Amino acid sequence: MTEQIKSLADRAHAETYELYLDRLSNEFAANVIFYDMFNQKFAELIVRECCDIFVELRTRPADLAVLDVKKHFGVEE
């Protein structure tokens, strides 16, 4: 796992944990699934990061911008 992805996962976990505890105090426990909440938050953070990168790279051709995003996350083809 790259440092960037690990950092987003750690942030997603911390933010999800706070929300999880809050929801547990207000909802039926069986309806509060940490795993589902974490996946949603992690995906949200990744999408936001990608959008930020694309905004910075909007003057580059799309194929080069895609390569930059892959490089940013340490993802290879």
C-alpha atoms as a PDB file:
ATOM      1  CA  MET A   1       0.000   0.000   0.000  1.00  0.00           C
ATOM      2  CA  THR A   2       1.398   3.386  -0.931  1.00  0.00           C
ATOM      3  CA  GLU A   3       1.820   6.101   1.680  1.00  0.00           C
ATOM      4  CA  GLN A   4      -0.850   8.224  -0.013  1.00  0.00           C
ATOM      5  CA  ILE A   5      -3.442   5.446   0.105  1.00  0.00           C
ATOM      6  CA  LYS A   6      -2.477   4.506   3.666  1.00  0.00           C
ATOM      7  CA  SER A   7      -2.872   8.135   4.703  1.00  0.00           C
ATOM      8  CA  LEU A   8      -6.359   8.299   3.169  1.00  0.00           C
ATOM      9  CA  ALA A   9      -7.307   4.984   4.806  1.00  0.00           C
ATOM     10  CA  ASP A  10      -6.115   6.236   8.203  1.00  0.00           C
ATOM     11  CA  ARG A  11      -8.067   9.463   7.767  1.00  0.00           C
ATOM     12  CA  ALA A  12     -11.165   7.536   6.660  1.00  0.00           C
ATOM     13  CA  HIS A  13     -10.870   5.283   9.704  1.00  0.00           C
ATOM     14  CA  ALA A  14     -10.568   8.200  12.125  1.00  0.00           C
ATOM     15  CA  GLU A  15     -13.489  10.096  10.595  1.00  0.00           C
ATOM     16  CA  THR A  16     -15.621   6.963  10.382  1.00  0.00           C
ATOM     17  CA  TYR A  17     -14.923   6.016  13.993  1.00  0.00           C
ATOM     18  CA  GLU A  18     -16.224   9.369  15.228  1.00  0.00           C
ATOM     19  CA  LEU A  19     -19.373   9.058  13.112  1.00  0.00           C
ATOM     20  CA  TYR A  20     -19.799   5.408  14.134  1.00  0.00           C
ATOM     21  CA  LEU A  21     -19.781   6.241  17.839  1.00  0.00           C
ATOM     22  CA  ASP A  22     -22.214   9.096  17.299  1.00  0.00           C
ATOM     23  CA  ARG A  23     -24.605   6.926  15.299  1.00  0.00           C
ATOM     24  CA  LEU A  24     -24.420   4.096  17.858  1.00  0.00           C
ATOM     25  CA  SER A  25     -25.740   6.441  20.518  1.00  0.00           C
ATOM     26  CA  ASN A  26     -28.710   7.432  18.339  1.00  0.00           C
ATOM     27  CA  GLU A  27     -29.572   4.379  16.240  1.00  0.00           C
ATOM     28  CA  PHE A  28     -30.236   0.681  16.559  1.00  0.00           C
ATOM     29  CA  ALA A  29     -26.803  -0.979  16.655  1.00  0.00           C
ATOM     30  CA  ALA A  30     -27.642  -3.523  13.933  1.00  0.00           C
ATOM     31  CA  ASN A  31     -28.171  -0.624  11.504  1.00  0.00           C
ATOM     32  CA  VAL A  32     -24.735   0.877  12.149  1.00  0.00           C
ATOM     33  CA  ILE A  33     -22.146  -1.094  10.181  1.00  0.00           C
ATOM     34  CA  PHE A  34     -18.618   0.286  10.579  1.00  0.00           C
ATOM     35  CA  TYR A  35     -17.294  -1.537   7.507  1.00  0.00           C
ATOM     36  CA  ASP A  36     -19.932   0.005   5.242  1.00  0.00           C
ATOM     37  CA  MET A  37     -19.378   3.451   6.710  1.00  0.00           C
ATOM     38  CA  PHE A  38     -15.596   3.131   6.320  1.00  0.00           C
ATOM     39  CA  ASN A  39     -15.859   2.026   2.685  1.00  0.00           C
ATOM     40  CA  GLN A  40     -18.096   4.993   1.890  1.00  0.00           C
ATOM     41  CA  LYS A  41     -15.766   7.486   3.579  1.00  0.00           C
ATOM     42  CA  PHE A  42     -12.616   5.962   2.033  1.00  0.00           C
ATOM     43  CA  ALA A  43     -14.128   6.096  -1.457  1.00  0.00           C
ATOM     44  CA  GLU A  44     -15.247   9.685  -0.849  1.00  0.00           C
ATOM     45  CA  LEU A  45     -11.737  10.741   0.161  1.00  0.00           C
ATOM     46  CA  ILE A  46     -10.182   9.055  -2.879  1.00  0.00           C
ATOM     47  CA  VAL A  47     -12.650  10.745  -5.233  1.00  0.00           C
ATOM     48  CA  ARG A  48     -12.006  14.129  -3.629  1.00  0.00           C
ATOM     49  CA  GLU A  49      -8.238  13.627  -3.949  1.00  0.00           C
ATOM     50  CA  CYS A  50      -8.618  12.684  -7.637  1.00  0.00           C
ATOM     51  CA  CYS A  51     -10.797  15.725  -8.288  1.00  0.00           C
ATOM     52  CA  ASP A  52      -8.201  17.978  -6.653  1.00  0.00           C
ATOM     53  CA  ILE A  53      -5.487  16.475  -8.846  1.00  0.00           C
ATOM     54  CA  PHE A  54      -7.565  16.925 -12.007  1.00  0.00           C
ATOM     55  CA  VAL A  55      -8.250  20.556 -11.126  1.00  0.00           C
ATOM     56  CA  GLU A  56      -4.501  21.129 -10.806  1.00  0.00           C
ATOM     57  CA  LEU A  57      -3.836  19.305 -14.084  1.00  0.00           C
ATOM     58  CA  ARG A  58      -6.761  20.576 -16.147  1.00  0.00           C
ATOM     59  CA  THR A  59      -4.460  22.051 -18.784  1.00  0.00           C
ATOM     60  CA  ARG A  60      -2.826  18.676 -19.470  1.00  0.00           C
ATOM     61  CA  PRO A  61      -4.192  16.169 -21.962  1.00  0.00           C
ATOM     62  CA  ALA A  62      -6.476  13.620 -20.299  1.00  0.00           C
ATOM     63  CA  ASP A  63      -4.182  10.648 -20.905  1.00  0.00           C
ATOM     64  CA  LEU A  64      -1.295  12.422 -19.156  1.00  0.00           C
ATOM     65  CA  ALA A  65      -3.519  13.532 -16.287  1.00  0.00           C
ATOM     66  CA  VAL A  66      -4.631   9.932 -15.784  1.00  0.00           C
ATOM     67  CA  LEU A  67      -0.992   8.844 -15.594  1.00  0.00           C
ATOM     68  CA  ASP A  68      -0.372  11.569 -12.997  1.00  0.00           C
ATOM     69  CA  VAL A  69      -3.254  10.318 -10.857  1.00  0.00           C
ATOM     70  CA  LYS A  70      -1.970   6.741 -11.062  1.00  0.00           C
ATOM     71  CA  LYS A  71       1.504   7.926 -10.113  1.00  0.00           C
ATOM     72  CA  HIS A  72       0.079   9.953  -7.199  1.00  0.00           C
ATOM     73  CA  PHE A  73      -1.574   6.835  -5.758  1.00  0.00           C
ATOM     74  CA  GLY A  74       1.232   4.469  -6.722  1.00  0.00           C
ATOM     75  CA  VAL A  75      -1.034   2.477  -9.028  1.00  0.00           C
ATOM     76  CA  GLU A  76       0.542   0.854 -12.068  1.00  0.00           C
ATOM     77  CA  GLU A  77      -1.092  -0.732 -15.096  1.00  0.00           C
END
